[in-house]
Amino acid sequence: YNTFILVPIKAAVSIRRQVDVRGQLWRQVREITVDLAGDAQDALKNELNRELQCLTVARENVIRRLSKL
C-alpha cells in the first residue's frame, strides 16, 4: 500500500493479453494514473524549461559568434 511500481502494460498483460477492467489491478492503475496528472504537468513544465535553457544557450552562442565577425 502506498508503494508505486510502474509496469509497462505489455508486461502486465503478456500472459493473457487482456486486462480485467473490473479487477483490483486495473482499479489501482486508474487511481495511480489520476494521481499522476499533476506529475505529468510538472514533467511537461520541466521539459519546456530545459528546452528554453537550450535555446538560450544556443542564442548566446550565436550572439558570441556574430560579435567575432
C-alpha atoms as a PDB file:
ATOM      1  CA  TYR A   1       0.000   0.000   0.000  1.00  0.00           C
ATOM      2  CA  ASN A   2       1.284   3.483  -0.922  1.00  0.00           C
ATOM      3  CA  THR A   3       4.089   1.862  -2.909  1.00  0.00           C
ATOM      4  CA  PHE A   4       4.002   2.571  -6.625  1.00  0.00           C
ATOM      5  CA  ILE A   5       5.584   0.333  -9.207  1.00  0.00           C
ATOM      6  CA  LEU A   6       5.382   1.283 -12.860  1.00  0.00           C
ATOM      7  CA  VAL A   7       4.783  -1.759 -15.016  1.00  0.00           C
ATOM      8  CA  PRO A   8       4.516  -1.485 -18.800  1.00  0.00           C
ATOM      9  CA  ILE A   9       1.074  -2.583 -19.987  1.00  0.00           C
ATOM     10  CA  LYS A  10       2.727  -5.051 -22.408  1.00  0.00           C
ATOM     11  CA  ALA A  11       4.402  -6.826 -19.494  1.00  0.00           C
ATOM     12  CA  ALA A  12       1.279  -6.704 -17.326  1.00  0.00           C
ATOM     13  CA  VAL A  13      -0.870  -8.401 -19.957  1.00  0.00           C
ATOM     14  CA  SER A  14       1.759 -10.646 -21.549  1.00  0.00           C
ATOM     15  CA  ILE A  15       0.235 -13.909 -20.333  1.00  0.00           C
ATOM     16  CA  ARG A  16      -3.468 -13.388 -21.049  1.00  0.00           C
ATOM     17  CA  ARG A  17      -3.123 -10.391 -23.376  1.00  0.00           C
ATOM     18  CA  GLN A  18      -6.068  -8.679 -21.728  1.00  0.00           C
ATOM     19  CA  VAL A  19      -6.853  -6.558 -18.692  1.00  0.00           C
ATOM     20  CA  ASP A  20      -9.814  -7.191 -16.410  1.00  0.00           C
ATOM     21  CA  VAL A  21     -11.266  -3.673 -16.245  1.00  0.00           C
ATOM     22  CA  ARG A  22     -13.362  -4.699 -13.224  1.00  0.00           C
ATOM     23  CA  GLY A  23     -10.409  -6.149 -11.342  1.00  0.00           C
ATOM     24  CA  GLN A  24      -8.395  -4.759  -8.465  1.00  0.00           C
ATOM     25  CA  LEU A  25      -5.224  -4.336 -10.547  1.00  0.00           C
ATOM     26  CA  TRP A  26      -6.952  -2.125 -13.106  1.00  0.00           C
ATOM     27  CA  ARG A  27      -8.642  -0.100 -10.355  1.00  0.00           C
ATOM     28  CA  GLN A  28      -5.223   0.534  -8.777  1.00  0.00           C
ATOM     29  CA  VAL A  29      -3.756   1.515 -12.153  1.00  0.00           C
ATOM     30  CA  ARG A  30      -6.584   4.012 -12.674  1.00  0.00           C
ATOM     31  CA  GLU A  31      -6.123   5.511  -9.218  1.00  0.00           C
ATOM     32  CA  ILE A  32      -2.386   5.917  -9.747  1.00  0.00           C
ATOM     33  CA  THR A  33      -2.898   7.391 -13.210  1.00  0.00           C
ATOM     34  CA  VAL A  34      -5.320  10.004 -11.885  1.00  0.00           C
ATOM     35  CA  ASP A  35      -2.772  10.997  -9.241  1.00  0.00           C
ATOM     36  CA  LEU A  36      -0.059  11.303 -11.902  1.00  0.00           C
ATOM     37  CA  ALA A  37      -1.902  14.091 -13.762  1.00  0.00           C
ATOM     38  CA  GLY A  38      -0.096  16.721 -11.698  1.00  0.00           C
ATOM     39  CA  ASP A  39       3.192  14.916 -12.198  1.00  0.00           C
ATOM     40  CA  ALA A  40       2.627  14.865 -15.956  1.00  0.00           C
ATOM     41  CA  GLN A  41       2.048  18.612 -15.956  1.00  0.00           C
ATOM     42  CA  ASP A  42       5.186  19.156 -13.867  1.00  0.00           C
ATOM     43  CA  ALA A  43       7.163  16.930 -16.238  1.00  0.00           C
ATOM     44  CA  LEU A  44       5.946  18.973 -19.210  1.00  0.00           C
ATOM     45  CA  LYS A  45       6.927  22.214 -17.468  1.00  0.00           C
ATOM     46  CA  ASN A  46      10.380  20.798 -16.722  1.00  0.00           C
ATOM     47  CA  GLU A  47      10.797  19.633 -20.310  1.00  0.00           C
ATOM     48  CA  LEU A  48       9.810  23.050 -21.659  1.00  0.00           C
ATOM     49  CA  ASN A  49      12.162  24.788 -19.216  1.00  0.00           C
ATOM     50  CA  ARG A  50      15.052  22.567 -20.345  1.00  0.00           C
ATOM     51  CA  GLU A  51      14.197  23.334 -23.952  1.00  0.00           C
ATOM     52  CA  LEU A  52      14.130  27.061 -23.189  1.00  0.00           C
ATOM     53  CA  GLN A  53      17.511  26.811 -21.471  1.00  0.00           C
ATOM     54  CA  CYS A  54      18.968  25.065 -24.524  1.00  0.00           C
ATOM     55  CA  LEU A  55      17.580  27.789 -26.778  1.00  0.00           C
ATOM     56  CA  THR A  56      19.043  30.450 -24.522  1.00  0.00           C
ATOM     57  CA  VAL A  57      22.480  28.833 -24.676  1.00  0.00           C
ATOM     58  CA  ALA A  58      22.216  28.494 -28.461  1.00  0.00           C
ATOM     59  CA  ARG A  59      21.164  32.150 -28.740  1.00  0.00           C
ATOM     60  CA  GLU A  60      24.118  33.264 -26.618  1.00  0.00           C
ATOM     61  CA  ASN A  61      26.470  31.201 -28.788  1.00  0.00           C
ATOM     62  CA  VAL A  62      25.102  32.810 -31.958  1.00  0.00           C
ATOM     63  CA  ILE A  63      25.493  36.283 -30.461  1.00  0.00           C
ATOM     64  CA  ARG A  64      29.064  35.480 -29.383  1.00  0.00           C
ATOM     65  CA  ARG A  65      29.938  34.160 -32.850  1.00  0.00           C
ATOM     66  CA  LEU A  66      28.361  37.183 -34.544  1.00  0.00           C
ATOM     67  CA  SER A  67      30.335  39.533 -32.346  1.00  0.00           C
ATOM     68  CA  LYS A  68      33.564  37.942 -33.607  1.00  0.00           C
ATOM     69  CA  LEU A  69      32.730  38.697 -37.260  1.00  0.00           C
END
